[in-house]
Protein backbone atom coordinates (compact mmCIF):
# COMPACT_ATOMS: atom_id res chain seq x y z
CA GLN A 1 55.41 69.66 -61.75
CA VAL A 2 55.57 73.44 -61.89
CA GLN A 3 54.68 74.92 -65.26
CA LEU A 4 56.80 77.80 -66.53
CA VAL A 5 55.66 80.43 -69.04
CA GLU A 6 58.03 82.83 -70.75
CA SER A 7 57.21 86.34 -71.92
CA GLY A 8 58.81 89.64 -72.75
CA GLY A 9 60.55 88.91 -76.03
CA GLY A 10 60.41 91.13 -79.06
CA LEU A 11 62.29 92.95 -81.78
CA VAL A 12 65.03 95.29 -80.61
CA GLN A 13 67.93 97.06 -82.22
CA ALA A 14 71.48 96.08 -81.40
CA GLY A 15 72.57 97.82 -78.24
CA GLY A 16 69.06 97.82 -76.83
CA SER A 17 67.58 96.05 -73.83
CA LEU A 18 64.82 93.60 -73.06
CA ARG A 19 63.56 92.04 -69.86
CA LEU A 20 62.24 88.52 -70.08
CA SER A 21 59.88 87.10 -67.49
CA CYS A 22 59.27 83.53 -66.43
CA ALA A 23 56.04 82.93 -64.56
CA ALA A 24 55.64 79.75 -62.55
CA SER A 25 52.37 77.99 -61.76
CA GLY A 26 53.52 77.16 -58.25
CA SER A 27 56.27 77.66 -55.75
CA ILE A 28 59.77 77.77 -57.18
CA PHE A 29 61.54 78.35 -53.89
CA SER A 30 63.55 75.14 -54.11
CA ILE A 31 63.98 75.04 -57.87
CA ILE A 32 67.08 76.08 -59.77
CA ILE A 33 65.76 77.97 -62.78
CA GLY A 34 67.72 78.29 -65.98
CA TRP A 35 67.23 80.56 -68.95
CA TYR A 36 68.10 78.86 -72.21
CA ARG A 37 68.11 80.06 -75.79
CA GLN A 38 68.02 78.41 -79.15
CA ALA A 39 69.31 80.30 -82.13
CA PRO A 40 68.22 79.31 -85.63
CA GLY A 41 70.02 76.17 -86.72
CA LYS A 42 71.76 75.74 -83.38
CA GLN A 43 71.29 73.64 -80.29
CA ARG A 44 69.65 75.03 -77.22
CA GLU A 45 72.17 76.46 -74.79
CA LEU A 46 72.10 77.53 -71.16
CA VAL A 47 72.41 81.28 -70.79
CA ALA A 48 71.96 81.80 -67.07
CA LEU A 49 70.76 80.05 -63.97
CA ILE A 50 69.76 81.00 -60.47
CA THR A 51 69.31 78.94 -57.32
CA GLY A 52 66.44 79.27 -54.89
CA GLY A 53 68.70 81.29 -52.62
CA GLY A 54 69.62 83.71 -55.37
CA SER A 55 73.09 82.53 -56.36
CA SER A 56 73.47 82.94 -60.09
CA ASN A 57 75.74 82.29 -62.98
CA VAL A 58 75.71 83.39 -66.59
CA ALA A 59 77.40 82.12 -69.72
CA ASP A 60 80.61 83.81 -70.77
CA SER A 61 78.95 85.00 -73.97
CA VAL A 62 76.52 87.18 -72.00
CA LYS A 63 78.58 88.04 -68.95
CA GLY A 64 78.39 91.70 -68.11
CA ARG A 65 75.28 92.15 -70.28
CA PHE A 66 72.65 89.75 -68.91
CA THR A 67 71.44 89.51 -65.33
CA ILE A 68 69.18 86.82 -63.92
CA SER A 69 67.03 87.46 -60.88
CA ARG A 70 64.06 85.94 -59.12
CA ASP A 71 61.17 86.83 -56.87
CA ASN A 72 60.20 83.69 -54.98
CA ALA A 73 57.22 85.38 -53.36
CA GLU A 74 55.76 86.06 -56.80
CA ASN A 75 57.04 82.82 -58.36
CA MET A 76 58.85 84.82 -61.03
CA VAL A 77 62.28 84.69 -62.62
CA TYR A 78 63.65 87.43 -64.84
CA LEU A 79 66.38 87.85 -67.39
CA GLN A 80 67.52 91.42 -67.93
CA MET A 81 69.34 91.66 -71.24
CA ASN A 82 71.35 94.78 -72.00
CA ARG A 83 73.62 95.77 -74.89
CA LEU A 84 71.98 93.16 -77.07
CA LYS A 85 73.82 91.82 -80.06
CA SER A 86 72.56 90.14 -83.22
CA GLU A 87 73.96 86.85 -81.96
CA ASP A 88 71.56 87.02 -79.02
CA THR A 89 68.70 86.37 -81.43
CA GLY A 90 66.77 83.22 -80.67
CA VAL A 91 63.94 81.68 -78.74
CA TYR A 92 64.41 81.99 -75.01
CA TYR A 93 63.09 79.42 -72.57
CA CYS A 94 63.06 79.13 -68.81
CA ALA A 95 63.21 75.71 -67.27
CA ASP A 96 63.82 73.63 -64.20
CA TRP A 97 67.57 73.18 -64.52
CA LYS A 98 67.76 69.93 -62.53
CA ARG A 99 65.02 68.30 -64.58
CA VAL A 100 66.58 69.45 -67.85
CA THR A 101 69.93 67.96 -66.94
CA SER A 102 68.46 64.70 -65.60
CA THR A 103 66.13 63.75 -68.41
CA SER A 104 66.12 63.79 -72.19
CA THR A 105 62.34 64.22 -72.30
CA TYR A 106 61.93 67.53 -70.55
CA SER A 107 58.73 69.28 -71.62
CA TRP A 108 59.74 72.75 -72.76
CA GLY A 109 57.39 75.70 -72.87
CA GLN A 110 56.65 77.82 -75.91
CA GLY A 111 59.51 80.17 -75.26
CA THR A 112 59.67 83.82 -76.20
CA GLN A 113 61.27 85.10 -79.38
CA VAL A 114 64.04 87.65 -79.16
CA THR A 115 65.18 89.24 -82.39
CA VAL A 116 68.06 91.69 -82.42
CA SER A 117 68.48 93.70 -85.57
CA SER A 118 71.88 95.03 -86.49
């Protein structure tokens, strides 16, 4: 099983930008990768996902502001977040989307904290 490690979070003012990175321990060519976030007191939600071929989709709440991309050669997936809002605050995780949706015992990584100050 490929291990995924998130990085790039931080404290940013509303309207600012951050780029999150997801580093994989092995090849992710055939893996659909999702970026998820969990806000305080809320359930984890899917923010964006990208297939091995580069097709992507983002949640309506971040459409036009967030972009997901991947570099299969480097085993990396990115989440570019622009025009951040306070409601984007939370812990962001990357994960194997198929495994997340097929099991209730998915082993999540540590995530990376994003805090947007208003």
